[in-house]
PDB file of N, CA and C in Angstrom:
ATOM      1  N   MET A   1     -18.117 -12.298 -39.771  1.00  0.00           N
ATOM      2  CA  MET A   1     -16.978 -12.527 -38.915  1.00  0.00           C
ATOM      3  C   MET A   1     -17.392 -12.299 -37.463  1.00  0.00           C
ATOM      4  N   ALA A   2     -17.004 -13.197 -36.579  1.00  0.00           N
ATOM      5  CA  ALA A   2     -17.359 -13.092 -35.162  1.00  0.00           C
ATOM      6  C   ALA A   2     -16.583 -11.962 -34.498  1.00  0.00           C
ATOM      7  N   GLU A   3     -17.284 -11.279 -33.608  1.00  0.00           N
ATOM      8  CA  GLU A   3     -16.658 -10.179 -32.878  1.00  0.00           C
ATOM      9  C   GLU A   3     -15.804 -10.749 -31.751  1.00  0.00           C
ATOM     10  N   THR A   4     -14.585 -10.243 -31.607  1.00  0.00           N
ATOM     11  CA  THR A   4     -13.740 -10.676 -30.499  1.00  0.00           C
ATOM     12  C   THR A   4     -13.614  -9.536 -29.508  1.00  0.00           C
ATOM     13  N   ASN A   5     -14.071  -9.773 -28.320  1.00  0.00           N
ATOM     14  CA  ASN A   5     -14.001  -8.795 -27.243  1.00  0.00           C
ATOM     15  C   ASN A   5     -13.117  -9.355 -26.135  1.00  0.00           C
ATOM     16  N   ILE A   6     -11.839  -9.363 -26.353  1.00  0.00           N
ATOM     17  CA  ILE A   6     -10.911  -9.829 -25.340  1.00  0.00           C
ATOM     18  C   ILE A   6     -10.625  -8.670 -24.393  1.00  0.00           C
ATOM     19  N   ILE A   7     -10.918  -8.879 -23.116  1.00  0.00           N
ATOM     20  CA  ILE A   7     -10.674  -7.842 -22.113  1.00  0.00           C
ATOM     21  C   ILE A   7      -9.188  -7.854 -21.786  1.00  0.00           C
ATOM     22  N   ASP A   8      -8.572  -6.703 -21.912  1.00  0.00           N
ATOM     23  CA  ASP A   8      -7.129  -6.558 -21.748  1.00  0.00           C
ATOM     24  C   ASP A   8      -6.789  -6.119 -20.319  1.00  0.00           C
ATOM     25  N   LYS A   9      -6.246  -7.059 -19.526  1.00  0.00           N
ATOM     26  CA  LYS A   9      -5.901  -6.766 -18.138  1.00  0.00           C
ATOM     27  C   LYS A   9      -4.838  -5.671 -18.047  1.00  0.00           C
ATOM     28  N   SER A  10      -3.893  -5.664 -18.987  1.00  0.00           N
ATOM     29  CA  SER A  10      -2.835  -4.651 -18.940  1.00  0.00           C
ATOM     30  C   SER A  10      -3.411  -3.245 -19.137  1.00  0.00           C
ATOM     31  N   HIS A  11      -4.497  -3.137 -19.895  1.00  0.00           N
ATOM     32  CA  HIS A  11      -5.160  -1.843 -20.075  1.00  0.00           C
ATOM     33  C   HIS A  11      -5.820  -1.399 -18.769  1.00  0.00           C
ATOM     34  N   ILE A  12      -6.415  -2.346 -18.062  1.00  0.00           N
ATOM     35  CA  ILE A  12      -7.024  -2.030 -16.762  1.00  0.00           C
ATOM     36  C   ILE A  12      -5.940  -1.554 -15.789  1.00  0.00           C
ATOM     37  N   ILE A  13      -4.820  -2.270 -15.752  1.00  0.00           N
ATOM     38  CA  ILE A  13      -3.725  -1.892 -14.850  1.00  0.00           C
ATOM     39  C   ILE A  13      -3.197  -0.506 -15.212  1.00  0.00           C
ATOM     40  N   ALA A  14      -3.032  -0.235 -16.499  1.00  0.00           N
ATOM     41  CA  ALA A  14      -2.571   1.090 -16.924  1.00  0.00           C
ATOM     42  C   ALA A  14      -3.543   2.171 -16.454  1.00  0.00           C
ATOM     43  N   ASN A  15      -4.843   1.891 -16.555  1.00  0.00           N
ATOM     44  CA  ASN A  15      -5.850   2.850 -16.089  1.00  0.00           C
ATOM     45  C   ASN A  15      -5.778   3.029 -14.575  1.00  0.00           C
ATOM     46  N   LEU A  16      -5.575   1.927 -13.838  1.00  0.00           N
ATOM     47  CA  LEU A  16      -5.489   2.015 -12.382  1.00  0.00           C
ATOM     48  C   LEU A  16      -4.273   2.825 -11.942  1.00  0.00           C
ATOM     49  N   LYS A  17      -3.234   2.817 -12.755  1.00  0.00           N
ATOM     50  CA  LYS A  17      -2.040   3.617 -12.440  1.00  0.00           C
ATOM     51  C   LYS A  17      -2.302   5.112 -12.608  1.00  0.00           C
ATOM     52  N   GLU A  18      -3.475   5.462 -13.139  1.00  0.00           N
ATOM     53  CA  GLU A  18      -3.868   6.861 -13.274  1.00  0.00           C
ATOM     54  C   GLU A  18      -4.834   7.300 -12.166  1.00  0.00           C
ATOM     55  N   VAL A  19      -5.148   6.371 -11.254  1.00  0.00           N
ATOM     56  CA  VAL A  19      -6.047   6.672 -10.133  1.00  0.00           C
ATOM     57  C   VAL A  19      -5.185   6.945  -8.907  1.00  0.00           C
ATOM     58  N   TYR A  20      -5.331   8.138  -8.360  1.00  0.00           N
ATOM     59  CA  TYR A  20      -4.507   8.547  -7.223  1.00  0.00           C
ATOM     60  C   TYR A  20      -5.338   8.684  -5.959  1.00  0.00           C
ATOM     61  N   ASP A  21      -4.729   8.314  -4.839  1.00  0.00           N
ATOM     62  CA  ASP A  21      -5.302   8.612  -3.540  1.00  0.00           C
ATOM     63  C   ASP A  21      -5.040  10.100  -3.323  1.00  0.00           C
ATOM     64  N   PRO A  22      -6.088  10.922  -3.215  1.00  0.00           N
ATOM     65  CA  PRO A  22      -5.888  12.370  -3.106  1.00  0.00           C
ATOM     66  C   PRO A  22      -5.040  12.801  -1.911  1.00  0.00           C
ATOM     67  N   GLU A  23      -4.988  11.973  -0.869  1.00  0.00           N
ATOM     68  CA  GLU A  23      -4.197  12.328   0.309  1.00  0.00           C
ATOM     69  C   GLU A  23      -2.716  11.991   0.151  1.00  0.00           C
ATOM     70  N   ILE A  24      -2.418  11.113  -0.792  1.00  0.00           N
ATOM     71  CA  ILE A  24      -1.035  10.674  -1.035  1.00  0.00           C
ATOM     72  C   ILE A  24      -0.813  10.789  -2.533  1.00  0.00           C
ATOM     73  N   SER A  25       0.236  11.414  -2.947  1.00  0.00           N
ATOM     74  CA  SER A  25       0.443  11.621  -4.389  1.00  0.00           C
ATOM     75  C   SER A  25       1.076  10.403  -5.055  1.00  0.00           C
ATOM     76  N   VAL A  26       0.470   9.238  -4.798  1.00  0.00           N
ATOM     77  CA  VAL A  26       0.910   7.981  -5.396  1.00  0.00           C
ATOM     78  C   VAL A  26      -0.335   7.282  -5.929  1.00  0.00           C
ATOM     79  N   ASN A  27      -0.200   6.637  -7.084  1.00  0.00           N
ATOM     80  CA  ASN A  27      -1.372   5.949  -7.631  1.00  0.00           C
ATOM     81  C   ASN A  27      -1.686   4.688  -6.826  1.00  0.00           C
ATOM     82  N   ILE A  28      -2.934   4.258  -6.904  1.00  0.00           N
ATOM     83  CA  ILE A  28      -3.396   3.145  -6.074  1.00  0.00           C
ATOM     84  C   ILE A  28      -2.748   1.820  -6.438  1.00  0.00           C
ATOM     85  N   TRP A  29      -2.320   1.667  -7.691  1.00  0.00           N
ATOM     86  CA  TRP A  29      -1.635   0.435  -8.097  1.00  0.00           C
ATOM     87  C   TRP A  29      -0.273   0.357  -7.391  1.00  0.00           C
ATOM     88  N   ASP A  30       0.490   1.444  -7.476  1.00  0.00           N
ATOM     89  CA  ASP A  30       1.822   1.453  -6.878  1.00  0.00           C
ATOM     90  C   ASP A  30       1.783   1.493  -5.350  1.00  0.00           C
ATOM     91  N   LEU A  31       0.652   1.908  -4.778  1.00  0.00           N
ATOM     92  CA  LEU A  31       0.495   1.866  -3.325  1.00  0.00           C
ATOM     93  C   LEU A  31       0.189   0.452  -2.836  1.00  0.00           C
ATOM     94  N   GLY A  32      -0.171  -0.437  -3.752  1.00  0.00           N
ATOM     95  CA  GLY A  32      -0.524  -1.798  -3.353  1.00  0.00           C
ATOM     96  C   GLY A  32      -1.961  -1.922  -2.877  1.00  0.00           C
ATOM     97  N   LEU A  33      -2.807  -0.981  -3.291  1.00  0.00           N
ATOM     98  CA  LEU A  33      -4.204  -1.005  -2.854  1.00  0.00           C
ATOM     99  C   LEU A  33      -5.069  -1.959  -3.668  1.00  0.00           C
ATOM    100  N   ILE A  34      -4.590  -2.390  -4.830  1.00  0.00           N
ATOM    101  CA  ILE A  34      -5.344  -3.344  -5.654  1.00  0.00           C
ATOM    102  C   ILE A  34      -4.877  -4.749  -5.286  1.00  0.00           C
ATOM    103  N   TYR A  35      -5.807  -5.541  -4.778  1.00  0.00           N
ATOM    104  CA  TYR A  35      -5.476  -6.900  -4.353  1.00  0.00           C
ATOM    105  C   TYR A  35      -5.666  -7.929  -5.459  1.00  0.00           C
ATOM    106  N   ASP A  36      -6.667  -7.730  -6.312  1.00  0.00           N
ATOM    107  CA  ASP A  36      -6.948  -8.749  -7.323  1.00  0.00           C
ATOM    108  C   ASP A  36      -7.770  -8.141  -8.461  1.00  0.00           C
ATOM    109  N   ILE A  37      -7.532  -8.655  -9.659  1.00  0.00           N
ATOM    110  CA  ILE A  37      -8.338  -8.319 -10.832  1.00  0.00           C
ATOM    111  C   ILE A  37      -8.723  -9.642 -11.471  1.00  0.00           C
ATOM    112  N   LYS A  38     -10.006  -9.942 -11.451  1.00  0.00           N
ATOM    113  CA  LYS A  38     -10.510 -11.168 -12.079  1.00  0.00           C
ATOM    114  C   LYS A  38     -11.261 -10.781 -13.341  1.00  0.00           C
ATOM    115  N   ILE A  39     -10.965 -11.492 -14.399  1.00  0.00           N
ATOM    116  CA  ILE A  39     -11.631 -11.241 -15.679  1.00  0.00           C
ATOM    117  C   ILE A  39     -12.324 -12.518 -16.115  1.00  0.00           C
ATOM    118  N   ASN A  40     -13.603 -12.404 -16.431  1.00  0.00           N
ATOM    119  CA  ASN A  40     -14.357 -13.519 -16.991  1.00  0.00           C
ATOM    120  C   ASN A  40     -14.652 -13.164 -18.443  1.00  0.00           C
ATOM    121  N   GLN A  41     -13.840 -13.721 -19.342  1.00  0.00           N
ATOM    122  CA  GLN A  41     -13.978 -13.403 -20.762  1.00  0.00           C
ATOM    123  C   GLN A  41     -15.327 -13.858 -21.314  1.00  0.00           C
ATOM    124  N   ASP A  42     -15.868 -14.975 -20.786  1.00  0.00           N
ATOM    125  CA  ASP A  42     -17.140 -15.500 -21.292  1.00  0.00           C
ATOM    126  C   ASP A  42     -18.318 -14.592 -20.948  1.00  0.00           C
ATOM    127  N   GLU A  43     -18.232 -13.946 -19.776  1.00  0.00           N
ATOM    128  CA  GLU A  43     -19.324 -13.075 -19.335  1.00  0.00           C
ATOM    129  C   GLU A  43     -19.008 -11.594 -19.556  1.00  0.00           C
ATOM    130  N   TYR A  44     -17.837 -11.320 -20.136  1.00  0.00           N
ATOM    131  CA  TYR A  44     -17.416  -9.938 -20.393  1.00  0.00           C
ATOM    132  C   TYR A  44     -17.435  -9.105 -19.109  1.00  0.00           C
ATOM    133  N   SER A  45     -16.971  -9.737 -18.020  1.00  0.00           N
ATOM    134  CA  SER A  45     -17.043  -9.051 -16.730  1.00  0.00           C
ATOM    135  C   SER A  45     -15.675  -8.959 -16.062  1.00  0.00           C
ATOM    136  N   VAL A  46     -15.575  -7.976 -15.180  1.00  0.00           N
ATOM    137  CA  VAL A  46     -14.356  -7.728 -14.418  1.00  0.00           C
ATOM    138  C   VAL A  46     -14.748  -7.560 -12.953  1.00  0.00           C
ATOM    139  N   GLU A  47     -13.908  -8.116 -12.077  1.00  0.00           N
ATOM    140  CA  GLU A  47     -14.072  -7.923 -10.644  1.00  0.00           C
ATOM    141  C   GLU A  47     -12.739  -7.416 -10.103  1.00  0.00           C
ATOM    142  N   ILE A  48     -12.759  -6.248  -9.468  1.00  0.00           N
ATOM    143  CA  ILE A  48     -11.542  -5.663  -8.907  1.00  0.00           C
ATOM    144  C   ILE A  48     -11.713  -5.596  -7.392  1.00  0.00           C
ATOM    145  N   THR A  49     -10.789  -6.249  -6.691  1.00  0.00           N
ATOM    146  CA  THR A  49     -10.788  -6.222  -5.233  1.00  0.00           C
ATOM    147  C   THR A  49      -9.678  -5.288  -4.780  1.00  0.00           C
ATOM    148  N   HIS A  50     -10.026  -4.393  -3.887  1.00  0.00           N
ATOM    149  CA  HIS A  50      -9.063  -3.378  -3.439  1.00  0.00           C
ATOM    150  C   HIS A  50      -9.295  -3.046  -1.973  1.00  0.00           C
ATOM    151  N   THR A  51      -8.365  -2.294  -1.427  1.00  0.00           N
ATOM    152  CA  THR A  51      -8.525  -1.748  -0.093  1.00  0.00           C
ATOM    153  C   THR A  51      -8.295  -0.249  -0.168  1.00  0.00           C
ATOM    154  N   LEU A  52      -8.408   0.401   0.961  1.00  0.00           N
ATOM    155  CA  LEU A  52      -8.114   1.824   1.080  1.00  0.00           C
ATOM    156  C   LEU A  52      -7.042   1.981   2.153  1.00  0.00           C
ATOM    157  N   THR A  53      -6.399   3.127   2.189  1.00  0.00           N
ATOM    158  CA  THR A  53      -5.359   3.323   3.189  1.00  0.00           C
ATOM    159  C   THR A  53      -5.949   3.371   4.590  1.00  0.00           C
ATOM    160  N   SER A  54      -7.247   3.675   4.695  1.00  0.00           N
ATOM    161  CA  SER A  54      -7.928   3.738   5.983  1.00  0.00           C
ATOM    162  C   SER A  54      -9.408   3.455   5.781  1.00  0.00           C
ATOM    163  N   ALA A  55     -10.001   2.789   6.757  1.00  0.00           N
ATOM    164  CA  ALA A  55     -11.449   2.548   6.700  1.00  0.00           C
ATOM    165  C   ALA A  55     -12.228   3.853   6.783  1.00  0.00           C
ATOM    166  N   PHE A  56     -11.558   4.910   7.225  1.00  0.00           N
ATOM    167  CA  PHE A  56     -12.200   6.208   7.388  1.00  0.00           C
ATOM    168  C   PHE A  56     -11.776   7.187   6.296  1.00  0.00           C
ATOM    169  N   CYS A  57     -11.297   6.666   5.186  1.00  0.00           N
ATOM    170  CA  CYS A  57     -10.811   7.501   4.086  1.00  0.00           C
ATOM    171  C   CYS A  57     -11.932   8.429   3.609  1.00  0.00           C
ATOM    172  N   PRO A  58     -11.713   9.755   3.669  1.00  0.00           N
ATOM    173  CA  PRO A  58     -12.764  10.675   3.242  1.00  0.00           C
ATOM    174  C   PRO A  58     -12.993  10.679   1.727  1.00  0.00           C
ATOM    175  N   PHE A  59     -12.079  10.070   0.988  1.00  0.00           N
ATOM    176  CA  PHE A  59     -12.195  10.041  -0.473  1.00  0.00           C
ATOM    177  C   PHE A  59     -12.615   8.667  -0.995  1.00  0.00           C
ATOM    178  N   ALA A  60     -13.140   7.817  -0.128  1.00  0.00           N
ATOM    179  CA  ALA A  60     -13.478   6.443  -0.502  1.00  0.00           C
ATOM    180  C   ALA A  60     -14.403   6.379  -1.717  1.00  0.00           C
ATOM    181  N   ASP A  61     -15.477   7.154  -1.709  1.00  0.00           N
ATOM    182  CA  ASP A  61     -16.437   7.107  -2.821  1.00  0.00           C
ATOM    183  C   ASP A  61     -15.769   7.522  -4.132  1.00  0.00           C
ATOM    184  N   GLU A  62     -14.963   8.567  -4.079  1.00  0.00           N
ATOM    185  CA  GLU A  62     -14.261   9.044  -5.272  1.00  0.00           C
ATOM    186  C   GLU A  62     -13.295   7.977  -5.804  1.00  0.00           C
ATOM    187  N   ILE A  63     -12.548   7.353  -4.903  1.00  0.00           N
ATOM    188  CA  ILE A  63     -11.584   6.328  -5.320  1.00  0.00           C
ATOM    189  C   ILE A  63     -12.306   5.126  -5.917  1.00  0.00           C
ATOM    190  N   VAL A  64     -13.381   4.676  -5.283  1.00  0.00           N
ATOM    191  CA  VAL A  64     -14.145   3.529  -5.803  1.00  0.00           C
ATOM    192  C   VAL A  64     -14.709   3.854  -7.185  1.00  0.00           C
ATOM    193  N   ASN A  65     -15.245   5.046  -7.363  1.00  0.00           N
ATOM    194  CA  ASN A  65     -15.762   5.437  -8.688  1.00  0.00           C
ATOM    195  C   ASN A  65     -14.652   5.471  -9.726  1.00  0.00           C
ATOM    196  N   ASP A  66     -13.474   5.957  -9.333  1.00  0.00           N
ATOM    197  CA  ASP A  66     -12.341   5.992 -10.262  1.00  0.00           C
ATOM    198  C   ASP A  66     -11.863   4.586 -10.615  1.00  0.00           C
ATOM    199  N   ILE A  67     -11.906   3.668  -9.642  1.00  0.00           N
ATOM    200  CA  ILE A  67     -11.542   2.271  -9.919  1.00  0.00           C
ATOM    201  C   ILE A  67     -12.532   1.670 -10.914  1.00  0.00           C
ATOM    202  N   ARG A  68     -13.816   1.938 -10.702  1.00  0.00           N
ATOM    203  CA  ARG A  68     -14.852   1.437 -11.620  1.00  0.00           C
ATOM    204  C   ARG A  68     -14.596   1.943 -13.034  1.00  0.00           C
ATOM    205  N   THR A  69     -14.325   3.218 -13.167  1.00  0.00           N
ATOM    206  CA  THR A  69     -14.047   3.804 -14.476  1.00  0.00           C
ATOM    207  C   THR A  69     -12.804   3.176 -15.100  1.00  0.00           C
ATOM    208  N   ALA A  70     -11.778   2.951 -14.291  1.00  0.00           N
ATOM    209  CA  ALA A  70     -10.528   2.349 -14.790  1.00  0.00           C
ATOM    210  C   ALA A  70     -10.754   0.937 -15.317  1.00  0.00           C
ATOM    211  N   GLY A  71     -11.683   0.221 -14.717  1.00  0.00           N
ATOM    212  CA  GLY A  71     -11.954  -1.154 -15.130  1.00  0.00           C
ATOM    213  C   GLY A  71     -12.858  -1.277 -16.342  1.00  0.00           C
ATOM    214  N   LEU A  72     -13.487  -0.196 -16.731  1.00  0.00           N
ATOM    215  CA  LEU A  72     -14.409  -0.236 -17.869  1.00  0.00           C
ATOM    216  C   LEU A  72     -13.654  -0.037 -19.181  1.00  0.00           C
ATOM    217  N   VAL A  73     -12.897  -1.055 -19.535  1.00  0.00           N
ATOM    218  CA  VAL A  73     -12.154  -1.021 -20.796  1.00  0.00           C
ATOM    219  C   VAL A  73     -12.985  -1.702 -21.877  1.00  0.00           C
ATOM    220  N   LYS A  74     -12.481  -1.648 -23.096  1.00  0.00           N
ATOM    221  CA  LYS A  74     -13.182  -2.260 -24.232  1.00  0.00           C
ATOM    222  C   LYS A  74     -13.520  -3.723 -23.931  1.00  0.00           C
ATOM    223  N   GLY A  75     -14.778  -4.067 -24.176  1.00  0.00           N
ATOM    224  CA  GLY A  75     -15.238  -5.445 -24.002  1.00  0.00           C
ATOM    225  C   GLY A  75     -15.924  -5.713 -22.680  1.00  0.00           C
ATOM    226  N   VAL A  76     -15.793  -4.817 -21.704  1.00  0.00           N
ATOM    227  CA  VAL A  76     -16.396  -5.038 -20.393  1.00  0.00           C
ATOM    228  C   VAL A  76     -17.859  -4.621 -20.421  1.00  0.00           C
ATOM    229  N   ARG A  77     -18.708  -5.556 -20.010  1.00  0.00           N
ATOM    230  CA  ARG A  77     -20.146  -5.271 -19.932  1.00  0.00           C
ATOM    231  C   ARG A  77     -20.630  -5.164 -18.490  1.00  0.00           C
ATOM    232  N   ALA A  78     -19.880  -5.765 -17.569  1.00  0.00           N
ATOM    233  CA  ALA A  78     -20.262  -5.727 -16.156  1.00  0.00           C
ATOM    234  C   ALA A  78     -18.988  -5.625 -15.320  1.00  0.00           C
ATOM    235  N   ILE A  79     -19.068  -4.838 -14.246  1.00  0.00           N
ATOM    236  CA  ILE A  79     -17.910  -4.682 -13.374  1.00  0.00           C
ATOM    237  C   ILE A  79     -18.360  -4.661 -11.925  1.00  0.00           C
ATOM    238  N   ASP A  80     -17.638  -5.379 -11.096  1.00  0.00           N
ATOM    239  CA  ASP A  80     -17.884  -5.377  -9.657  1.00  0.00           C
ATOM    240  C   ASP A  80     -16.627  -4.861  -8.977  1.00  0.00           C
ATOM    241  N   ILE A  81     -16.817  -3.939  -8.063  1.00  0.00           N
ATOM    242  CA  ILE A  81     -15.718  -3.400  -7.273  1.00  0.00           C
ATOM    243  C   ILE A  81     -15.946  -3.863  -5.838  1.00  0.00           C
ATOM    244  N   ILE A  82     -14.971  -4.572  -5.300  1.00  0.00           N
ATOM    245  CA  ILE A  82     -15.074  -5.097  -3.940  1.00  0.00           C
ATOM    246  C   ILE A  82     -14.061  -4.370  -3.068  1.00  0.00           C
ATOM    247  N   THR A  83     -14.561  -3.684  -2.058  1.00  0.00           N
ATOM    248  CA  THR A  83     -13.702  -3.008  -1.100  1.00  0.00           C
ATOM    249  C   THR A  83     -13.570  -3.908   0.119  1.00  0.00           C
ATOM    250  N   THR A  84     -12.335  -4.181   0.510  1.00  0.00           N
ATOM    251  CA  THR A  84     -12.089  -5.045   1.662  1.00  0.00           C
ATOM    252  C   THR A  84     -11.014  -4.434   2.544  1.00  0.00           C
ATOM    253  N   PHE A  85     -11.039  -4.802   3.798  1.00  0.00           N
ATOM    254  CA  PHE A  85      -9.983  -4.398   4.724  1.00  0.00           C
ATOM    255  C   PHE A  85      -9.320  -5.642   5.314  1.00  0.00           C
ATOM    256  N   ASP A  86      -9.407  -6.735   4.564  1.00  0.00           N
ATOM    257  CA  ASP A  86      -8.810  -7.994   4.975  1.00  0.00           C
ATOM    258  C   ASP A  86      -7.981  -8.546   3.821  1.00  0.00           C
ATOM    259  N   PRO A  87      -6.688  -8.386   3.851  1.00  0.00           N
ATOM    260  CA  PRO A  87      -5.904  -7.808   4.941  1.00  0.00           C
ATOM    261  C   PRO A  87      -5.953  -6.291   4.895  1.00  0.00           C
ATOM    262  N   PRO A  88      -5.740  -5.662   6.053  1.00  0.00           N
ATOM    263  CA  PRO A  88      -5.737  -4.195   6.088  1.00  0.00           C
ATOM    264  C   PRO A  88      -4.491  -3.634   5.420  1.00  0.00           C
ATOM    265  N   PHE A  89      -4.583  -2.406   4.963  1.00  0.00           N
ATOM    266  CA  PHE A  89      -3.437  -1.726   4.374  1.00  0.00           C
ATOM    267  C   PHE A  89      -2.413  -1.433   5.466  1.00  0.00           C
ATOM    268  N   THR A  90      -1.153  -1.727   5.167  1.00  0.00           N
ATOM    269  CA  THR A  90      -0.031  -1.344   6.022  1.00  0.00           C
ATOM    270  C   THR A  90       1.093  -0.903   5.101  1.00  0.00           C
ATOM    271  N   MET A  91       2.128  -0.332   5.654  1.00  0.00           N
ATOM    272  CA  MET A  91       3.280   0.047   4.832  1.00  0.00           C
ATOM    273  C   MET A  91       3.910  -1.184   4.184  1.00  0.00           C
ATOM    274  N   ASP A  92       3.715  -2.361   4.777  1.00  0.00           N
ATOM    275  CA  ASP A  92       4.212  -3.598   4.164  1.00  0.00           C
ATOM    276  C   ASP A  92       3.500  -3.887   2.848  1.00  0.00           C
ATOM    277  N   SER A  93       2.315  -3.300   2.652  1.00  0.00           N
ATOM    278  CA  SER A  93       1.560  -3.490   1.417  1.00  0.00           C
ATOM    279  C   SER A  93       2.165  -2.707   0.258  1.00  0.00           C
ATOM    280  N   VAL A  94       2.906  -1.665   0.566  1.00  0.00           N
ATOM    281  CA  VAL A  94       3.484  -0.803  -0.463  1.00  0.00           C
ATOM    282  C   VAL A  94       4.734  -1.473  -1.015  1.00  0.00           C
ATOM    283  N   PRO A  95       4.787  -1.665  -2.333  1.00  0.00           N
ATOM    284  CA  PRO A  95       5.979  -2.285  -2.921  1.00  0.00           C
ATOM    285  C   PRO A  95       7.243  -1.498  -2.551  1.00  0.00           C
ATOM    286  N   GLU A  96       8.337  -2.231  -2.354  1.00  0.00           N
ATOM    287  CA  GLU A  96       9.597  -1.613  -1.940  1.00  0.00           C
ATOM    288  C   GLU A  96      10.021  -0.490  -2.881  1.00  0.00           C
ATOM    289  N   GLU A  97       9.852  -0.696  -4.185  1.00  0.00           N
ATOM    290  CA  GLU A  97      10.238   0.323  -5.170  1.00  0.00           C
ATOM    291  C   GLU A  97       9.494   1.636  -4.922  1.00  0.00           C
ATOM    292  N   THR A  98       8.199   1.544  -4.619  1.00  0.00           N
ATOM    293  CA  THR A  98       7.403   2.740  -4.351  1.00  0.00           C
ATOM    294  C   THR A  98       7.869   3.409  -3.066  1.00  0.00           C
ATOM    295  N   ARG A  99       8.125   2.605  -2.019  1.00  0.00           N
ATOM    296  CA  ARG A  99       8.609   3.182  -0.753  1.00  0.00           C
ATOM    297  C   ARG A  99       9.912   3.942  -0.985  1.00  0.00           C
ATOM    298  N   MET A 100      10.791   3.374  -1.786  1.00  0.00           N
ATOM    299  CA  MET A 100      12.082   4.020  -2.035  1.00  0.00           C
ATOM    300  C   MET A 100      11.896   5.304  -2.848  1.00  0.00           C
ATOM    301  N   LEU A 101      11.038   5.257  -3.880  1.00  0.00           N
ATOM    302  CA  LEU A 101      10.789   6.449  -4.699  1.00  0.00           C
ATOM    303  C   LEU A 101      10.187   7.586  -3.885  1.00  0.00           C
ATOM    304  N   MET A 102       9.366   7.244  -2.911  1.00  0.00           N
ATOM    305  CA  MET A 102       8.710   8.254  -2.079  1.00  0.00           C
ATOM    306  C   MET A 102       9.600   8.691  -0.908  1.00  0.00           C
ATOM    307  N   GLY A 103      10.734   8.035  -0.757  1.00  0.00           N
ATOM    308  CA  GLY A 103      11.627   8.381   0.348  1.00  0.00           C
ATOM    309  C   GLY A 103      11.101   7.894   1.688  1.00  0.00           C
ATOM    310  N   TRP A 104      10.240   6.876   1.644  1.00  0.00           N
ATOM    311  CA  TRP A 104       9.658   6.351   2.864  1.00  0.00           C
ATOM    312  C   TRP A 104      10.584   5.335   3.537  1.00  0.00           C
ATOM    313  N   GLY A 105      11.576   4.835   2.790  1.00  0.00           N
ATOM    314  CA  GLY A 105      12.440   3.806   3.357  1.00  0.00           C
ATOM    315  C   GLY A 105      11.615   2.593   3.710  1.00  0.00           C
ATOM    316  N   TYR A 106      12.101   1.782   4.595  1.00  0.00           N
ATOM    317  CA  TYR A 106      11.342   0.609   5.012  1.00  0.00           C
ATOM    318  C   TYR A 106      10.878   0.826   6.431  1.00  0.00           C
ATOM    319  N   MET A 107       9.575   0.906   6.597  1.00  0.00           N
ATOM    320  CA  MET A 107       8.980   1.094   7.923  1.00  0.00           C
ATOM    321  C   MET A 107       8.218  -0.154   8.294  1.00  0.00           C
ATOM    322  N   LYS A 108       8.735  -0.919   9.176  1.00  0.00           N
ATOM    323  CA  LYS A 108       8.066  -2.145   9.640  1.00  0.00           C
ATOM    324  C   LYS A 108       7.034  -1.756  10.677  1.00  0.00           C
ATOM    325  N   GLU A 109       5.798  -2.236  10.512  1.00  0.00           N
ATOM    326  CA  GLU A 109       4.751  -1.903  11.481  1.00  0.00           C
ATOM    327  C   GLU A 109       4.694  -2.945  12.556  1.00  0.00           C
TER     328      GLU A 109
END
């Protein structure tokens, strides 16, 4: 019987919801820091594009390593993590639901 290694995007997202920016007690998924998750089922690979709240984030290495770990779900043989600041993080990047839960209201930059 052939082995089926279907990479489950929902599992990756669930894992990303467990990765927190240490400076803000909100996970990176709900902060809007994950821009894209590409899955290539044929190559068993995942590419996660994300940003950080600041280009000078002192926890950048830790967050990137946690993103890598979150993306290594069953079936993944290769993972690329792309850090970008285009577009840069702004409060507009944070989903409205998260802003409301955090009591941030709507802050237009």
